[in-house]
Protein backbone atom coordinates (compact mmCIF):
# COMPACT_ATOMS: atom_id res chain seq x y z
CA MET A 1 16.01 -14.43 6.58
CA ILE A 2 18.42 -12.36 7.85
CA PRO A 3 19.52 -11.89 11.77
CA LEU A 4 18.39 -8.92 13.78
CA PRO A 5 19.65 -8.19 16.50
CA THR A 6 18.19 -8.54 19.65
CA GLY A 7 19.61 -6.85 22.71
CA PRO A 8 18.73 -2.93 23.21
CA VAL A 9 18.36 -0.42 21.06
CA PRO A 10 21.67 2.36 20.15
CA ARG A 11 21.80 4.92 22.01
CA ARG A 12 21.95 7.52 19.33
CA ALA A 13 19.99 7.10 15.29
CA GLU A 14 20.66 9.90 12.70
CA ALA A 15 17.16 8.38 12.10
CA VAL A 16 14.94 6.69 13.28
CA ILE A 17 11.38 4.71 11.21
CA VAL A 18 9.03 3.38 13.20
CA GLY A 19 7.18 0.65 10.81
CA GLY A 20 8.73 -2.68 9.42
CA GLY A 21 6.20 -2.51 6.38
CA ILE A 22 7.54 -2.07 2.66
CA ASN A 23 7.44 1.40 3.13
CA GLY A 24 9.44 1.54 6.27
CA LEU A 25 11.96 -0.86 4.91
CA ALA A 26 12.16 1.06 1.51
CA THR A 27 12.53 4.66 3.28
CA ALA A 28 15.65 2.74 5.32
CA VAL A 29 17.47 1.25 2.30
CA GLU A 30 17.09 4.90 -0.19
CA LEU A 31 17.91 7.14 2.96
CA ALA A 32 21.39 4.43 3.50
CA ARG A 33 22.38 4.35 -0.46
CA ARG A 34 22.44 8.54 -0.20
CA GLY A 35 24.83 8.37 2.70
CA LEU A 36 22.68 8.05 5.95
CA LYS A 37 24.51 6.40 9.01
CA ASP A 38 23.32 5.43 11.88
CA ILE A 39 19.43 4.26 10.58
CA VAL A 40 17.04 2.44 13.02
CA VAL A 41 13.75 0.80 12.00
CA VAL A 42 11.50 -0.30 15.28
CA GLU A 43 8.76 -2.42 14.56
CA LYS A 44 5.85 -3.42 17.52
CA ALA A 45 5.57 -6.93 15.93
CA TYR A 46 7.19 -8.46 12.98
CA LEU A 47 8.32 -7.68 9.39
CA GLY A 48 5.45 -7.17 7.29
CA SER A 49 2.69 -7.87 10.09
CA GLY A 50 1.14 -4.57 9.19
CA SER A 51 -0.78 -3.59 5.83
CA THR A 52 2.00 -4.94 3.35
CA GLY A 53 1.64 -8.40 4.87
CA ARG A 54 -2.17 -8.35 4.58
CA CYS A 55 -2.22 -7.12 1.65
CA GLY A 56 -3.74 -8.37 -2.07
CA GLY A 57 -0.42 -7.40 -3.98
CA GLY A 58 -1.79 -5.54 -6.63
CA ILE A 59 0.51 -3.13 -8.98
CA ARG A 60 -1.66 -0.67 -10.50
CA GLN A 61 -1.39 2.59 -12.77
CA VAL A 62 -5.50 2.54 -13.40
CA TRP A 63 -6.42 5.22 -10.90
CA THR A 64 -8.35 8.93 -11.31
CA THR A 65 -5.82 11.28 -9.60
CA GLU A 66 -2.41 12.53 -11.28
CA GLU A 67 -0.28 12.12 -8.44
CA ASN A 68 -1.66 8.53 -8.00
CA ILE A 69 -0.97 7.55 -11.90
CA LEU A 70 2.64 8.94 -11.85
CA LEU A 71 3.71 7.55 -9.04
CA ALA A 72 2.54 4.32 -9.52
CA LYS A 73 3.60 4.37 -13.28
CA GLU A 74 7.32 5.26 -11.28
CA SER A 75 6.59 2.06 -9.59
CA VAL A 76 5.68 0.26 -11.84
CA ALA A 77 9.01 0.47 -13.64
CA ARG A 78 10.97 0.20 -10.60
CA TYR A 79 9.33 -3.61 -9.71
CA ARG A 80 9.95 -4.54 -12.99
CA ASP A 81 13.59 -4.45 -12.01
CA LEU A 82 12.91 -4.65 -8.33
CA ALA A 83 14.16 -8.73 -7.50
CA GLY A 84 17.60 -8.11 -9.48
CA GLU A 85 17.91 -4.99 -7.12
CA LEU A 86 16.83 -6.85 -4.16
CA GLY A 87 18.49 -10.28 -4.96
CA LEU A 88 15.04 -12.25 -3.55
CA HIS A 89 12.60 -13.38 -6.59
CA THR A 90 9.08 -10.49 -6.05
CA PHE A 91 6.93 -13.00 -7.96
CA PHE A 92 6.57 -9.48 -10.36
CA ARG A 93 4.03 -11.07 -12.72
CA GLN A 94 1.77 -8.10 -15.41
CA GLY A 95 -0.72 -9.38 -16.46
CA GLY A 96 -2.24 -6.49 -16.15
CA TYR A 97 -5.77 -4.93 -14.59
CA LEU A 98 -9.01 -5.38 -16.06
CA MET A 99 -11.74 -2.24 -14.05
CA VAL A 100 -15.06 -3.47 -15.17
CA THR A 101 -18.59 -2.04 -14.07
CA GLU A 102 -21.90 -2.88 -13.55
CA ASP A 103 -23.12 0.94 -13.24
CA PRO A 104 -24.00 2.69 -16.57
CA SER A 105 -23.37 6.04 -15.03
CA GLN A 106 -19.46 5.10 -14.30
CA LEU A 107 -18.39 5.04 -18.13
CA GLY A 108 -18.01 8.37 -17.94
CA LEU A 109 -15.77 8.07 -15.51
CA LEU A 110 -13.73 5.15 -16.56
CA ARG A 111 -13.48 7.21 -20.10
CA ASP A 112 -12.27 10.11 -18.01
CA ALA A 113 -10.12 8.02 -16.08
CA THR A 114 -8.56 6.49 -19.29
CA ALA A 115 -7.98 9.90 -20.89
CA LEU A 116 -6.25 11.00 -17.90
CA GLN A 117 -3.95 7.53 -17.55
CA ASN A 118 -3.01 8.51 -21.20
CA ARG A 119 -2.01 12.09 -20.82
CA CYS A 120 0.29 10.52 -18.01
CA GLY A 121 2.05 8.08 -20.65
CA VAL A 122 0.52 5.28 -19.46
CA ASP A 123 -1.09 2.58 -21.81
CA SER A 124 -5.01 2.11 -20.95
CA GLU A 125 -7.96 1.62 -23.13
CA PHE A 126 -11.79 1.63 -22.33
CA LEU A 127 -13.38 -1.57 -23.44
CA GLN A 128 -16.73 -3.35 -24.08
CA PRO A 129 -18.09 -5.66 -21.71
CA GLU A 130 -17.20 -8.64 -25.17
CA ASP A 131 -13.54 -7.20 -25.01
CA CYS A 132 -13.55 -8.67 -21.56
CA ALA A 133 -14.78 -11.44 -22.49
CA LYS A 134 -11.77 -11.90 -24.85
CA LEU A 135 -9.18 -10.92 -22.29
CA VAL A 136 -10.47 -13.47 -19.20
CA PRO A 137 -12.47 -16.57 -20.76
CA HIS A 138 -15.93 -17.69 -19.22
CA LEU A 139 -15.92 -14.16 -17.36
CA ASN A 140 -19.44 -13.11 -17.05
CA ILE A 141 -20.20 -10.48 -18.90
CA ASP A 142 -23.99 -10.06 -19.08
CA ASN A 143 -24.42 -7.21 -16.16
CA LEU A 144 -21.10 -5.09 -17.93
CA ALA A 145 -21.44 -1.61 -18.49
CA GLY A 146 -17.96 -1.11 -20.00
CA ALA A 147 -14.40 -1.15 -18.69
CA LEU A 148 -10.65 -0.18 -18.56
CA PHE A 149 -8.08 -2.02 -18.99
CA CYS A 150 -4.27 -1.42 -18.53
CA PRO A 151 -2.13 -4.20 -19.63
CA ASP A 152 1.41 -3.14 -17.90
CA ASP A 153 -0.18 -3.13 -14.19
CA GLY A 154 0.00 -7.00 -12.51
CA THR A 155 1.32 -8.26 -8.59
CA ALA A 156 3.82 -9.24 -6.44
CA TYR A 157 4.29 -11.06 -3.53
CA PRO A 158 4.23 -8.63 -0.70
CA PHE A 159 6.58 -10.62 1.96
CA SER A 160 9.00 -11.37 -0.71
CA VAL A 161 9.82 -7.81 -1.76
CA VAL A 162 10.26 -6.99 2.64
CA TRP A 163 12.30 -9.31 2.99
CA GLY A 164 13.87 -8.36 0.32
CA TYR A 165 14.14 -5.38 1.12
CA ALA A 166 14.97 -5.82 5.26
CA ARG A 167 17.91 -7.67 4.20
CA LEU A 168 19.22 -4.83 1.36
CA ALA A 169 18.29 -2.92 4.86
CA ALA A 170 20.40 -4.36 6.74
CA LYS A 171 23.66 -5.39 3.91
CA LEU A 172 23.75 -1.12 4.14
CA GLY A 173 24.17 -0.67 8.06
CA VAL A 174 20.63 -0.46 8.85
CA LYS A 175 19.06 -1.88 12.44
CA ILE A 176 16.11 -3.15 12.37
CA TYR A 177 14.84 -4.30 15.64
CA ILE A 178 11.23 -6.17 15.71
CA ARG A 179 8.79 -7.10 18.95
CA THR A 180 10.14 -3.26 19.73
CA GLU A 181 7.95 -0.66 20.70
CA LEU A 182 7.65 3.29 20.57
CA ARG A 183 6.45 4.59 23.45
CA ASP A 184 6.77 8.12 23.84
CA VAL A 185 8.41 10.95 22.02
CA THR A 186 11.20 13.48 22.53
CA LEU A 187 10.82 16.90 21.41
CA VAL A 188 13.41 19.77 22.39
CA GLY A 189 11.93 23.58 21.34
CA ASP A 190 10.28 21.89 18.35
CA ARG A 191 12.31 20.03 17.23
CA ILE A 192 12.41 15.79 16.99
CA ALA A 193 15.25 14.81 19.68
CA GLY A 194 14.67 10.94 20.50
CA VAL A 195 12.12 8.45 20.93
CA LYS A 196 11.61 5.83 23.90
CA THR A 197 11.16 2.39 23.13
CA SER A 198 10.31 -0.70 25.17
CA ARG A 199 13.91 -1.45 24.07
CA GLY A 200 15.20 1.44 25.61
CA ASP A 201 15.64 4.94 24.58
CA ILE A 202 17.34 6.45 21.15
CA ALA A 203 18.30 10.08 20.31
CA THR A 204 17.84 10.62 16.77
CA PRO A 205 17.23 14.50 14.98
CA ARG A 206 14.63 12.39 12.60
CA LEU A 207 11.41 10.50 13.51
CA ILE A 208 9.98 9.48 9.98
CA ASN A 209 6.38 8.04 10.86
CA CYS A 210 5.48 5.11 8.43
CA ALA A 211 3.23 3.13 11.09
CA GLY A 212 0.24 2.29 8.43
CA PRO A 213 -2.70 2.26 10.55
CA TRP A 214 -1.50 3.15 13.36
CA ALA A 215 0.45 6.17 11.96
CA ARG A 216 -1.99 8.73 13.18
CA THR A 217 -1.54 7.33 17.24
CA LEU A 218 2.35 7.75 16.62
CA ALA A 219 1.72 11.53 15.10
CA ALA A 220 -0.42 12.73 18.35
CA LYS A 221 2.82 11.66 20.58
CA VAL A 222 4.09 15.04 18.69
CA GLY A 223 1.03 17.09 18.48
CA VAL A 224 -0.18 16.18 15.06
CA ASP A 225 -3.12 15.74 13.87
CA LEU A 226 -4.01 13.15 11.25
CA PRO A 227 -7.17 13.22 9.23
CA ASN A 228 -6.65 9.30 8.61
CA ARG A 229 -8.68 6.15 9.55
CA GLN A 230 -8.57 3.27 9.24
CA GLU A 231 -10.40 0.68 7.76
CA ARG A 232 -11.23 -2.95 7.60
CA HIS A 233 -10.54 -5.47 4.94
CA GLU A 234 -10.66 -9.05 4.40
CA ILE A 235 -9.01 -11.05 1.61
CA MET A 236 -9.93 -14.72 1.02
CA VAL A 237 -7.44 -17.41 -0.75
CA SER A 238 -8.67 -20.68 -3.02
CA GLU A 239 -6.68 -23.81 -3.92
CA SER A 240 -3.96 -23.84 -6.82
CA LEU A 241 -5.16 -23.73 -10.19
CA LYS A 242 -3.87 -24.24 -13.55
CA PRO A 243 -2.99 -20.85 -14.74
CA PHE A 244 -6.05 -19.26 -16.72
CA LEU A 245 -6.23 -15.77 -15.58
CA ASP A 246 -3.66 -12.99 -16.67
CA PRO A 247 -5.48 -9.60 -15.12
CA MET A 248 -6.43 -8.94 -12.29
CA VAL A 249 -10.40 -7.77 -12.23
CA ILE A 250 -11.69 -5.86 -9.86
CA SER A 251 -15.20 -3.98 -9.98
CA ILE A 252 -15.47 -0.12 -9.50
CA SER A 253 -18.93 -0.74 -8.46
CA ASN A 254 -19.26 -2.76 -5.78
CA GLY A 255 -15.42 -3.42 -4.91
CA ILE A 256 -14.43 -7.04 -5.59
CA TYR A 257 -10.83 -7.80 -6.64
CA PHE A 258 -9.35 -11.13 -7.75
CA SER A 259 -6.29 -12.58 -9.42
CA GLN A 260 -3.97 -15.81 -10.01
CA SER A 261 -0.79 -16.03 -8.44
CA MET A 262 2.11 -17.24 -10.16
CA ARG A 263 1.40 -20.67 -7.83
CA GLY A 264 -2.03 -20.85 -8.90
CA GLU A 265 -4.21 -19.30 -6.02
CA ILE A 266 -7.09 -17.47 -6.56
CA LEU A 267 -6.71 -14.38 -3.90
CA GLY A 268 -9.16 -11.97 -4.12
CA GLY A 269 -11.48 -9.71 -1.94
CA ILE A 270 -14.65 -7.37 -1.38
CA GLY A 271 -15.26 -4.32 1.06
CA ASP A 272 -18.44 -4.65 2.83
CA PRO A 273 -19.85 -1.07 3.45
CA ASN A 274 -22.36 -2.02 6.23
CA GLU A 275 -20.23 -4.00 8.45
CA PRO A 276 -20.38 -3.19 12.07
CA HIS A 277 -16.72 -1.53 13.05
CA ARG A 278 -15.46 -1.28 9.69
CA SER A 279 -14.37 2.24 10.41
CA ASP A 280 -14.67 2.69 13.48
CA PRO A 281 -11.23 4.14 14.49
CA ALA A 282 -10.79 2.75 18.21
CA HIS A 283 -11.73 -0.53 16.42
CA PHE A 284 -7.90 -2.75 14.86
CA ASP A 285 -10.02 -6.33 14.51
CA THR A 286 -8.80 -8.22 11.81
CA ARG A 287 -9.63 -11.41 13.12
CA SER A 288 -11.72 -13.26 10.45
CA GLN A 289 -15.53 -13.80 9.90
CA LEU A 290 -17.92 -16.12 7.77
CA ARG A 291 -19.91 -12.84 6.33
CA PHE A 292 -17.18 -11.92 4.04
CA ALA A 293 -16.72 -15.97 3.33
CA VAL A 294 -20.45 -15.92 1.92
CA ARG A 295 -20.41 -12.55 0.57
CA PHE A 296 -16.76 -13.11 -1.34
CA ALA A 297 -17.83 -16.27 -2.50
CA LYS A 298 -21.43 -15.45 -4.15
CA ALA A 299 -19.81 -12.77 -6.15
CA LEU A 300 -16.92 -14.20 -7.09
CA ILE A 301 -19.67 -16.90 -8.66
CA ASP A 302 -21.23 -13.80 -10.36
CA TYR A 303 -18.16 -12.82 -12.30
CA TYR A 304 -16.72 -16.04 -12.50
CA PRO A 305 -19.15 -19.36 -12.59
CA PRO A 306 -16.63 -21.83 -13.08
CA ALA A 307 -15.57 -20.14 -9.48
CA ARG A 308 -18.66 -22.56 -8.20
CA THR A 309 -17.01 -26.08 -7.40
CA LEU A 310 -13.59 -23.44 -6.15
CA ARG A 311 -12.29 -24.26 -2.37
CA LEU A 312 -11.72 -21.23 -0.19
CA MET A 313 -8.67 -22.13 1.44
CA ARG A 314 -8.11 -19.39 4.18
CA GLN A 315 -9.31 -15.98 4.84
CA TRP A 316 -7.31 -12.54 6.57
CA ALA A 317 -8.08 -9.10 7.52
CA GLY A 318 -6.28 -6.22 7.50
CA LEU A 319 -6.08 -2.14 8.05
CA TYR A 320 -6.35 0.26 4.97
CA ASP A 321 -4.88 3.90 6.51
CA VAL A 322 -7.18 5.94 4.74
CA THR A 323 -7.46 9.44 4.08
CA PRO A 324 -10.25 11.91 2.67
CA ASP A 325 -9.10 12.07 -0.61
CA HIS A 326 -7.50 8.78 -1.41
CA ARG A 327 -4.27 10.12 -1.43
CA PRO A 328 -1.11 9.42 0.78
CA ILE A 329 0.35 11.93 2.75
CA LEU A 330 4.20 12.66 2.38
CA GLY A 331 6.56 14.70 3.57
CA GLY A 332 6.94 17.15 7.06
CA VAL A 333 4.83 19.41 9.32
CA PRO A 334 5.84 23.07 9.32
CA GLY A 335 7.00 24.44 13.10
CA LEU A 336 8.32 20.48 13.87
CA ASP A 337 11.72 19.84 12.34
CA GLY A 338 12.78 16.04 11.84
CA TYR A 339 9.84 14.80 11.57
CA HIS A 340 8.25 13.22 8.47
CA HIS A 341 5.32 11.23 7.55
CA ILE A 342 4.60 8.20 4.29
CA CYS A 343 1.56 7.11 5.43
CA GLY A 344 -2.00 7.33 4.21
CA PHE A 345 -2.00 5.02 1.42
CA SER A 346 -5.86 4.18 2.02
CA GLY A 347 -5.10 0.56 0.91
CA HIS A 348 -2.56 1.40 -1.51
CA GLY A 349 1.33 1.73 -0.02
CA PHE A 350 2.84 -1.84 -1.55
CA MET A 351 2.38 -0.61 -5.35
CA LEU A 352 3.75 3.10 -4.62
CA ALA A 353 6.45 2.46 -1.84
CA PRO A 354 9.25 1.81 -3.75
CA VAL A 355 8.57 5.00 -5.27
CA THR A 356 7.93 7.03 -2.89
CA ALA A 357 11.06 5.90 -0.29
CA ARG A 358 12.68 6.60 -3.14
CA ARG A 359 11.44 11.04 -3.67
CA MET A 360 10.99 11.07 0.52
CA ALA A 361 14.97 10.28 1.04
CA ARG A 362 15.58 12.82 -1.27
CA HIS A 363 13.55 15.31 -0.34
CA ILE A 364 14.49 14.24 3.36
CA LEU A 365 18.46 14.49 3.55
CA THR A 366 18.52 17.53 0.56
CA GLY A 367 15.41 19.34 1.24
CA GLU A 368 14.92 19.48 -1.93
CA HIS A 369 11.15 20.67 -3.57
CA ASP A 370 9.16 17.66 -4.78
CA ALA A 371 6.11 18.73 -7.26
CA ILE A 372 4.27 15.19 -5.88
CA ILE A 373 5.25 15.70 -2.31
CA ASP A 374 4.35 19.13 -2.01
CA SER A 375 0.67 18.25 -3.35
CA LEU A 376 0.38 15.14 -0.75
CA SER A 377 1.65 17.77 1.89
CA LEU A 378 -0.66 17.53 5.35
CA SER A 379 -1.53 21.20 4.79
CA ARG A 380 -3.69 20.05 1.75
CA PHE A 381 -6.66 19.51 4.27
CA GLU A 382 -6.06 23.10 5.13
CA ARG A 383 -6.13 24.54 2.69
CA GLY A 384 -9.36 22.59 1.36
CA ASP A 385 -6.85 21.37 -2.16
CA LEU A 386 -8.37 18.08 -2.17
CA GLN A 387 -8.79 15.90 -5.02
CA VAL A 388 -10.63 12.62 -4.45
CA ASP A 389 -9.55 9.66 -6.33
CA ALA A 390 -12.37 7.45 -7.10
CA PHE A 391 -10.52 3.88 -7.36
CA VAL A 392 -10.15 2.89 -3.97
CA VAL A 393 -11.90 -0.61 -4.15
CA GLY A 394 -11.23 -3.70 -1.68
């Protein structure tokens, strides 16, 4: 790993990025590539300590809204070349995504989503239950009504991607400070003027909010009210097995997902809408719970009976940064110069970050309009221009 600065933060910076996950680090890289100097990233814990380091590593194009599909399509193309770009193995593997349902009333949703994805250039297809058994031998298809499959989707290892971006950012001159808390923001009129951190103050004309589940707290410091809420989710990983599972299997009926890593572990999770404090805006609890382990083990065995003999090795919890329409919030805020959002990914920031960072860096430095960024601006909530993506699970 690269050595990181340990002293006081610089007195001045051309941009301060809050959040040392994939969105913050990738944005720093893209800004530096476009010639911006003196970029500072501040992270209150360690790199990848928030949502990035706690995610399942899935990268999929199977969505129900055009913006998410187009961003994911670009991102899959980026992930194919990202290891060479970062100089670090990302463990990216395109085993596909198999999205299933047990509910016949959801078949129309799957068919419509397939048609939209195809129109956007994504090679997905609608499947019958017997087709699923060919893709995943021993999958229990007794209760399946249908499925959607995209062979180009896949997974990558989040920490490798984070470390790769951090190393490249440092080579490009970005200063990354961990264990550094942003405490306040200084405004002069309607412009960003600086930030106050636990390592000192920084004068800066640009503040980029990549704080994930803490984005709403940061936005409030500049008088912006985000509609985001954090939502608790857990993941579990098993012992390593010989390779047997190519696609990520995911159910839009009950929210379970599971895949096999390149090292052989089965990794997966399942949502629990009845979990206490799951969506409590004041609750940031990431401790593991036995109720999740029991719920996930039962569901996994239902879908894949041979998992009955699996030994589950460890589990952890993380937070989704959820918006009302399950789409990210990108861009600035009218009347507040120098402030930008890259947040609200609703549990899917890892898969979209490489392309989101590239688009946002161009937008921040040139002011050029970007159709996708414009459609995902914060102002859409005031306009009521909401298109809820139905495929948020976990």
